[in-house]
Amino acid sequence: MNPPRPIRSRFLPRVEALEDRCLLSAGAKLNGTVLTITGTRKADQIQINDDGNRVGVIINHHFEGSFNGVATVDVNSLGGRDRVLYDVLGTASSQLGPGASGNVAVNRTLNADLGKGHGLFVMEVLSGLSTESAKTPPVPAAASNLGAQSNLNLTVHGAGSDTASLRALSIGAQSNLQYHFSGGAGHNQFDAVLGGAGGAAQAGSTIGLVFTGGRGKDVANVNAHLDLAAGAALSVSLDGGAGNDTEKVNYSGQDNGTLKIQTNGGDGKDTLDTEVTLSTGSTGTVKANENGGAGNDDLTMALRKATSSDTATLSGTIDGGPGKDTCSSTSNVTSTNCEVMHVLT
């Protein structure tokens, strides 16, 4: 009898699909009236130039294109230590008015998601825009005026330890500027600078600044040195959330419109400071409120008129909330839940 033959294993070649390791590339794409700008997961620099008619985009020194007919800009930087710079072409003071030949009206909605990674978003109204050549570095420009009959709505989302800022000189008549920064958990910072020499919010203009922090040590600073014309309104709302936060609002100018300021500390040892000084000739209104929330807070509110006989009305309240709070205020401010009180002149 012959011995049985050994059974040989058969090798069958086959191809196995590997996991997708392709990297997303940055770019800008217009779909209808929505311009979508996408970064990478690395540290990107996204430059957006807006002259009121077209929107130019440069990502990491590469010119992505110039787009017309844009109503909404959606930015997703995908995290990383990203820098998103949104520059808006301003209007010269001599042309700042409805129907003026040189007035630049900018009507845009912009939504930016910075993702995780210590992102930065900067919005500035400038006298000139940087070149869109990838080989030419941007030229610094002075702060300028947002043109009359503009409508700008900005929403910026972070995921922790992000920074957002705003700079503009004047706001043209019948314009609307809304800026909301939501920082999320982490150490976030919000800085807004409005006005300067000759700065004003002209008749019928509306400005809304909103900062929402999260769990972390947040810092918010709003400096507005501009006149509010009759019918103009400036609203500031700062909420640091949980953590030891610092929130400061400083306004000076002739107020013939409406100024509203709300600051909330939330849980933690917070520092809130509201300083308002109205120039001679003011006839408008000021309403300011500070809520310290839980924790041992330091709250300051000073509401002053340069000329006591002016008809402008100022009212303010401080609520220290639970904890041992120290409150310092002028006599026209009502204070509650303040364990230590200081009167300011």
Protein backbone atom coordinates (compact mmCIF):
# COMPACT_ATOMS: atom_id res chain seq x y z
CA MET A 1 0.00 0.00 0.00
CA ASN A 2 1.29 3.41 -0.91
CA PRO A 3 1.48 5.96 1.99
CA PRO A 4 -1.05 8.85 1.82
CA ARG A 5 0.17 11.98 0.13
CA PRO A 6 0.61 15.02 2.41
CA ILE A 7 -1.98 17.75 1.99
CA ARG A 8 -0.35 20.97 0.84
CA SER A 9 -1.80 24.29 1.99
CA ARG A 10 -2.78 26.53 -0.90
CA PHE A 11 -1.71 30.17 -1.00
CA LEU A 12 -4.38 32.42 -2.45
CA PRO A 13 -3.09 35.94 -3.10
CA ARG A 14 -5.52 38.73 -2.29
CA VAL A 15 -5.56 42.49 -1.81
CA GLU A 16 -6.66 44.03 1.50
CA ALA A 17 -7.85 47.61 1.68
CA LEU A 18 -5.74 49.76 4.00
CA GLU A 19 -7.24 52.44 6.20
CA ASP A 20 -7.67 55.85 4.58
CA ARG A 21 -4.70 57.98 5.57
CA CYS A 22 -5.20 60.86 3.21
CA LEU A 23 -5.02 64.33 4.74
CA LEU A 24 -7.71 66.90 4.22
CA SER A 25 -6.43 69.77 2.15
CA ALA A 26 -7.27 73.37 2.91
CA GLY A 27 -9.43 75.30 0.50
CA ALA A 28 -12.34 77.65 -0.20
CA LYS A 29 -15.48 76.76 -2.14
CA LEU A 30 -18.55 78.80 -3.05
CA ASN A 31 -21.89 77.01 -3.16
CA GLY A 32 -24.68 79.41 -4.05
CA THR A 33 -24.22 82.33 -1.68
CA VAL A 34 -22.32 80.34 0.99
CA LEU A 35 -18.52 80.42 0.96
CA THR A 36 -16.99 77.54 2.92
CA ILE A 37 -13.38 77.87 4.05
CA THR A 38 -11.65 74.78 5.46
CA GLY A 39 -8.27 74.53 7.14
CA THR A 40 -6.20 71.52 8.15
CA ARG A 41 -5.49 69.92 11.51
CA LYS A 42 -2.18 71.72 11.62
CA ALA A 43 -1.48 75.36 12.53
CA ASP A 44 -3.12 77.32 9.69
CA GLN A 45 -3.24 81.00 8.83
CA ILE A 46 -6.45 81.96 7.09
CA GLN A 47 -6.67 85.50 5.70
CA ILE A 48 -10.09 86.78 4.58
CA ASN A 49 -10.33 90.14 2.80
CA ASP A 50 -13.78 91.72 2.42
CA ASP A 51 -14.21 94.90 0.37
CA GLY A 52 -18.01 94.84 0.46
CA ASN A 53 -18.33 93.30 -3.01
CA ARG A 54 -15.96 90.37 -3.07
CA VAL A 55 -14.31 88.11 -0.52
CA GLY A 56 -10.68 87.10 -1.06
CA VAL A 57 -9.18 84.09 0.71
CA ILE A 58 -5.54 83.21 1.39
CA ILE A 59 -4.69 80.03 3.31
CA ASN A 60 -1.13 79.37 4.43
CA HIS A 61 0.17 81.95 1.93
CA HIS A 62 -1.71 80.33 -0.96
CA PHE A 63 -4.30 82.45 -2.78
CA GLU A 64 -7.50 80.38 -2.92
CA GLY A 65 -9.58 82.82 -4.94
CA SER A 66 -11.78 85.91 -4.96
CA PHE A 67 -15.52 85.34 -4.65
CA ASN A 68 -18.54 87.48 -5.55
CA GLY A 69 -22.15 87.09 -4.45
CA VAL A 70 -21.24 85.86 -0.96
CA ALA A 71 -23.89 86.24 1.74
CA THR A 72 -22.44 83.83 4.33
CA VAL A 73 -18.87 82.76 5.12
CA ASP A 74 -18.43 79.51 7.05
CA VAL A 75 -14.93 78.88 8.41
CA ASN A 76 -13.84 75.56 9.87
CA SER A 77 -10.19 75.64 10.79
CA LEU A 78 -10.27 72.02 12.06
CA GLY A 79 -8.25 72.79 15.19
CA GLY A 80 -4.58 73.42 15.70
CA ARG A 81 -2.98 76.72 16.65
CA ASP A 82 -4.86 78.52 13.88
CA ARG A 83 -5.01 82.23 13.03
CA VAL A 84 -8.13 83.46 11.25
CA LEU A 85 -7.89 87.09 10.17
CA TYR A 86 -11.03 88.80 8.83
CA ASP A 87 -10.23 92.23 7.40
CA VAL A 88 -13.06 94.52 6.28
CA LEU A 89 -12.45 97.53 4.05
CA GLY A 90 -13.49 100.69 5.83
CA THR A 91 -14.84 104.04 4.67
CA ALA A 92 -13.11 107.40 5.00
CA SER A 93 -14.75 109.74 7.50
CA SER A 94 -15.56 112.24 4.75
CA GLN A 95 -17.56 109.58 2.85
CA LEU A 96 -19.26 107.96 5.84
CA GLY A 97 -22.96 108.31 5.05
CA PRO A 98 -25.82 106.68 3.12
CA GLY A 99 -25.51 107.48 -0.57
CA ALA A 100 -21.98 108.87 -0.35
CA SER A 101 -19.93 107.92 -3.40
CA GLY A 102 -17.08 106.48 -1.34
CA ASN A 103 -19.17 104.66 1.24
CA VAL A 104 -18.35 100.92 1.53
CA ALA A 105 -21.38 98.98 2.79
CA VAL A 106 -20.50 95.45 3.93
CA ASN A 107 -23.35 92.96 4.33
CA ARG A 108 -22.09 89.59 5.50
CA THR A 109 -22.70 86.76 7.96
CA LEU A 110 -19.58 84.95 9.14
CA ASN A 111 -19.44 81.80 11.25
CA ALA A 112 -16.06 80.55 12.44
CA ASP A 113 -15.30 77.30 14.26
CA LEU A 114 -11.75 77.34 15.62
CA GLY A 115 -11.82 73.78 16.94
CA LYS A 116 -9.28 72.64 19.55
CA GLY A 117 -5.81 74.08 19.76
CA HIS A 118 -5.51 77.68 21.06
CA GLY A 119 -7.02 79.40 18.03
CA LEU A 120 -7.13 83.11 17.24
CA PHE A 121 -9.82 85.08 15.40
CA VAL A 122 -9.27 88.76 14.58
CA MET A 123 -11.81 91.05 12.93
CA GLU A 124 -10.67 94.54 11.93
CA VAL A 125 -12.14 97.37 9.89
CA LEU A 126 -9.16 98.85 8.07
CA SER A 127 -8.31 101.73 5.77
CA GLY A 128 -6.83 99.28 3.26
CA LEU A 129 -6.64 95.55 2.64
CA SER A 130 -3.46 93.54 2.27
CA THR A 131 -2.41 92.27 -1.13
CA GLU A 132 -3.69 88.85 -2.13
CA SER A 133 -0.36 87.85 -3.58
CA ALA A 134 1.06 84.91 -1.66
CA LYS A 135 4.56 86.34 -2.09
CA THR A 136 3.86 89.79 -0.69
CA PRO A 137 3.58 90.23 3.09
CA PRO A 138 0.55 92.18 4.37
CA VAL A 139 0.96 95.90 4.91
CA PRO A 140 -0.29 97.18 8.29
CA ALA A 141 -3.29 99.48 7.93
CA ALA A 142 -4.96 101.90 10.33
CA ALA A 143 -8.33 101.23 11.92
CA SER A 144 -11.17 102.68 9.90
CA ASN A 145 -14.94 103.18 9.83
CA LEU A 146 -17.55 100.55 9.06
CA GLY A 147 -19.54 101.99 6.17
CA ALA A 148 -23.11 103.23 6.47
CA GLN A 149 -25.93 100.72 5.91
CA SER A 150 -23.63 97.77 6.64
CA ASN A 151 -24.88 94.58 8.25
CA LEU A 152 -22.22 92.34 9.80
CA ASN A 153 -23.08 89.31 11.94
CA LEU A 154 -20.12 87.37 13.34
CA THR A 155 -20.26 84.19 15.42
CA VAL A 156 -17.01 82.60 16.60
CA HIS A 157 -16.85 79.25 18.41
CA GLY A 158 -13.81 77.93 20.23
CA ALA A 159 -13.14 74.69 22.05
CA GLY A 160 -10.93 76.06 24.79
CA SER A 161 -8.12 78.58 25.36
CA ASP A 162 -9.00 80.64 22.29
CA THR A 163 -8.77 84.38 21.62
CA ALA A 164 -11.08 86.65 19.63
CA SER A 165 -10.76 90.37 19.01
CA LEU A 166 -12.38 93.33 17.24
CA ARG A 167 -11.10 96.73 16.14
CA ALA A 168 -13.04 99.51 14.42
CA LEU A 169 -13.10 103.31 14.53
CA SER A 170 -16.66 104.45 13.74
CA ILE A 171 -19.89 102.70 12.81
CA GLY A 172 -21.77 104.32 9.92
CA ALA A 173 -25.41 105.40 10.02
CA GLN A 174 -28.08 102.67 9.88
CA SER A 175 -25.46 99.94 10.28
CA ASN A 176 -25.61 96.78 12.36
CA LEU A 177 -22.55 95.06 13.87
CA GLN A 178 -23.07 91.92 15.96
CA TYR A 179 -20.12 89.92 17.32
CA HIS A 180 -20.59 86.79 19.48
CA PHE A 181 -17.61 84.83 20.77
CA SER A 182 -18.26 81.54 22.56
CA GLY A 183 -15.00 80.30 24.01
CA GLY A 184 -15.91 76.98 25.58
CA ALA A 185 -13.89 75.35 28.36
CA GLY A 186 -10.36 76.70 28.83
CA HIS A 187 -8.64 80.05 29.30
CA ASN A 188 -10.29 82.27 26.70
CA GLN A 189 -9.77 85.94 25.90
CA PHE A 190 -11.99 88.51 24.20
CA ASP A 191 -10.75 91.99 23.29
CA ALA A 192 -12.83 94.69 21.60
CA VAL A 193 -11.61 98.19 20.78
CA LEU A 194 -14.12 100.63 19.33
CA GLY A 195 -13.56 104.27 18.53
CA GLY A 196 -10.65 106.59 19.10
CA ALA A 197 -10.10 110.15 17.93
CA GLY A 198 -13.31 111.17 16.14
CA GLY A 199 -14.94 107.77 16.66
CA ALA A 200 -18.74 107.61 16.67
CA ALA A 201 -21.68 105.29 16.29
CA GLN A 202 -23.84 107.27 13.91
CA ALA A 203 -27.61 107.65 13.90
CA GLY A 204 -29.58 104.42 13.70
CA SER A 205 -26.54 102.18 14.16
CA THR A 206 -26.58 99.13 16.42
CA ILE A 207 -23.59 97.38 18.01
CA GLY A 208 -23.87 94.15 19.99
CA LEU A 209 -20.87 92.49 21.64
CA VAL A 210 -21.38 89.13 23.38
CA PHE A 211 -18.76 86.97 25.09
CA THR A 212 -19.59 83.58 26.60
CA GLY A 213 -16.81 81.77 28.41
CA GLY A 214 -16.78 78.33 29.93
CA ARG A 215 -15.01 76.47 32.67
CA GLY A 216 -11.67 78.21 32.92
CA LYS A 217 -9.90 81.48 33.65
CA ASP A 218 -11.38 83.84 31.07
CA VAL A 219 -10.50 87.46 30.34
CA ALA A 220 -12.76 89.93 28.50
CA ASN A 221 -11.91 93.59 27.80
CA VAL A 222 -14.15 96.04 25.97
CA ASN A 223 -12.86 99.57 25.36
CA ALA A 224 -15.28 101.88 23.57
CA HIS A 225 -14.26 105.50 23.17
CA LEU A 226 -16.83 106.83 20.74
CA ASP A 227 -19.91 109.03 20.68
CA LEU A 228 -23.37 107.49 20.43
CA ALA A 229 -25.62 109.54 18.16
CA ALA A 230 -29.38 109.82 18.71
CA GLY A 231 -30.94 106.49 17.82
CA ALA A 232 -27.64 104.61 18.13
CA ALA A 233 -27.25 101.70 20.55
CA LEU A 234 -24.30 99.84 22.05
CA SER A 235 -24.93 96.62 23.99
CA VAL A 236 -22.21 94.66 25.79
CA SER A 237 -22.81 91.28 27.43
CA LEU A 238 -19.95 89.37 29.08
CA ASP A 239 -20.37 86.03 30.85
CA GLY A 240 -17.24 84.28 32.05
CA GLY A 241 -18.96 81.14 33.32
CA ALA A 242 -17.24 78.92 35.88
CA GLY A 243 -13.69 79.85 36.85
CA ASN A 244 -11.80 82.90 38.09
CA ASP A 245 -12.71 85.39 35.39
CA THR A 246 -11.85 89.03 34.69
CA GLU A 247 -14.31 91.22 32.79
CA LYS A 248 -13.76 94.92 32.16
CA VAL A 249 -15.82 97.45 30.22
CA ASN A 250 -14.63 101.01 29.70
CA TYR A 251 -16.82 103.52 27.84
CA SER A 252 -16.23 107.22 27.27
CA GLY A 253 -17.91 109.61 24.88
CA GLN A 254 -20.99 111.72 24.31
CA ASP A 255 -24.01 109.48 24.71
CA ASN A 256 -27.17 110.62 22.94
CA GLY A 257 -28.34 107.06 22.32
CA THR A 258 -28.53 103.92 24.44
CA LEU A 259 -25.73 102.11 26.27
CA LYS A 260 -26.37 98.75 27.96
CA ILE A 261 -23.74 96.74 29.84
CA GLN A 262 -24.21 93.33 31.46
CA THR A 263 -21.38 91.38 33.09
CA ASN A 264 -21.72 88.00 34.81
CA GLY A 265 -18.94 86.34 36.74
CA GLY A 266 -20.42 82.89 37.39
CA ASP A 267 -18.80 80.49 39.84
CA GLY A 268 -15.32 81.40 40.99
CA LYS A 269 -13.34 84.36 42.25
CA ASP A 270 -14.19 86.95 39.63
CA THR A 271 -13.17 90.54 38.96
CA LEU A 272 -15.79 92.73 37.25
CA ASP A 273 -15.15 96.37 36.42
CA THR A 274 -17.49 98.78 34.62
CA GLU A 275 -16.32 102.35 34.00
CA VAL A 276 -18.55 104.84 32.16
CA THR A 277 -17.74 108.53 31.64
CA LEU A 278 -20.15 110.65 29.61
CA SER A 279 -18.86 113.72 27.82
CA THR A 280 -20.54 117.11 28.06
CA GLY A 281 -23.78 117.36 26.08
CA SER A 282 -24.97 113.78 26.69
CA THR A 283 -28.73 113.22 26.57
CA GLY A 284 -28.94 109.42 26.28
CA THR A 285 -29.31 106.53 28.71
CA VAL A 286 -26.92 104.15 30.45
CA LYS A 287 -27.99 100.89 32.11
CA ALA A 288 -25.31 98.69 33.66
CA ASN A 289 -25.53 95.50 35.71
CA GLU A 290 -22.90 93.31 37.36
CA ASN A 291 -23.61 89.85 38.79
CA GLY A 292 -20.74 88.27 40.68
CA GLY A 293 -22.29 84.82 41.11
CA ALA A 294 -20.94 82.30 43.60
CA GLY A 295 -17.47 82.98 44.98
CA ASN A 296 -15.51 85.79 46.62
CA ASP A 297 -15.72 88.45 43.94
CA ASP A 298 -14.31 91.95 43.44
CA LEU A 299 -16.89 94.19 41.74
CA THR A 300 -16.43 97.81 40.64
CA MET A 301 -18.87 100.13 38.88
CA ALA A 302 -18.37 103.85 38.27
CA LEU A 303 -20.98 105.79 36.27
CA ARG A 304 -20.10 109.46 35.78
CA LYS A 305 -21.13 112.54 33.79
CA ALA A 306 -18.59 115.23 32.95
CA THR A 307 -21.36 117.83 33.33
CA SER A 308 -23.84 117.10 36.10
CA SER A 309 -26.58 119.24 34.53
CA ASP A 310 -26.71 117.11 31.36
CA THR A 311 -30.00 115.26 30.92
CA ALA A 312 -28.44 111.83 30.33
CA THR A 313 -29.67 109.19 32.78
CA LEU A 314 -27.37 106.63 34.39
CA SER A 315 -28.47 103.61 36.40
CA GLY A 316 -26.50 100.64 37.64
CA THR A 317 -26.78 97.62 39.91
CA ILE A 318 -24.26 95.30 41.54
CA ASP A 319 -25.18 91.90 42.97
CA GLY A 320 -22.32 90.14 44.67
CA GLY A 321 -24.18 86.84 45.00
CA PRO A 322 -23.10 84.09 47.42
CA GLY A 323 -19.66 84.49 48.96
CA LYS A 324 -17.66 87.29 50.54
CA ASP A 325 -17.75 90.03 47.94
CA THR A 326 -16.09 93.44 47.80
CA CYS A 327 -18.04 96.14 45.94
CA SER A 328 -16.86 99.61 44.93
CA SER A 329 -19.29 102.00 43.23
CA THR A 330 -20.44 105.54 42.71
CA SER A 331 -23.55 106.74 44.56
CA ASN A 332 -25.88 106.20 41.58
CA VAL A 333 -25.31 102.43 41.70
CA THR A 334 -27.48 100.09 43.79
CA SER A 335 -25.54 97.30 45.50
CA THR A 336 -26.75 94.07 47.10
CA ASN A 337 -25.01 91.03 48.63
CA CYS A 338 -21.83 93.00 49.18
CA GLU A 339 -20.01 92.14 52.39
CA VAL A 340 -17.46 94.95 51.94
CA MET A 341 -18.50 98.30 50.42
CA HIS A 342 -16.44 101.22 49.09
CA VAL A 343 -17.99 104.46 47.78
CA LEU A 344 -16.33 106.04 44.73
CA THR A 345 -16.55 109.75 43.97
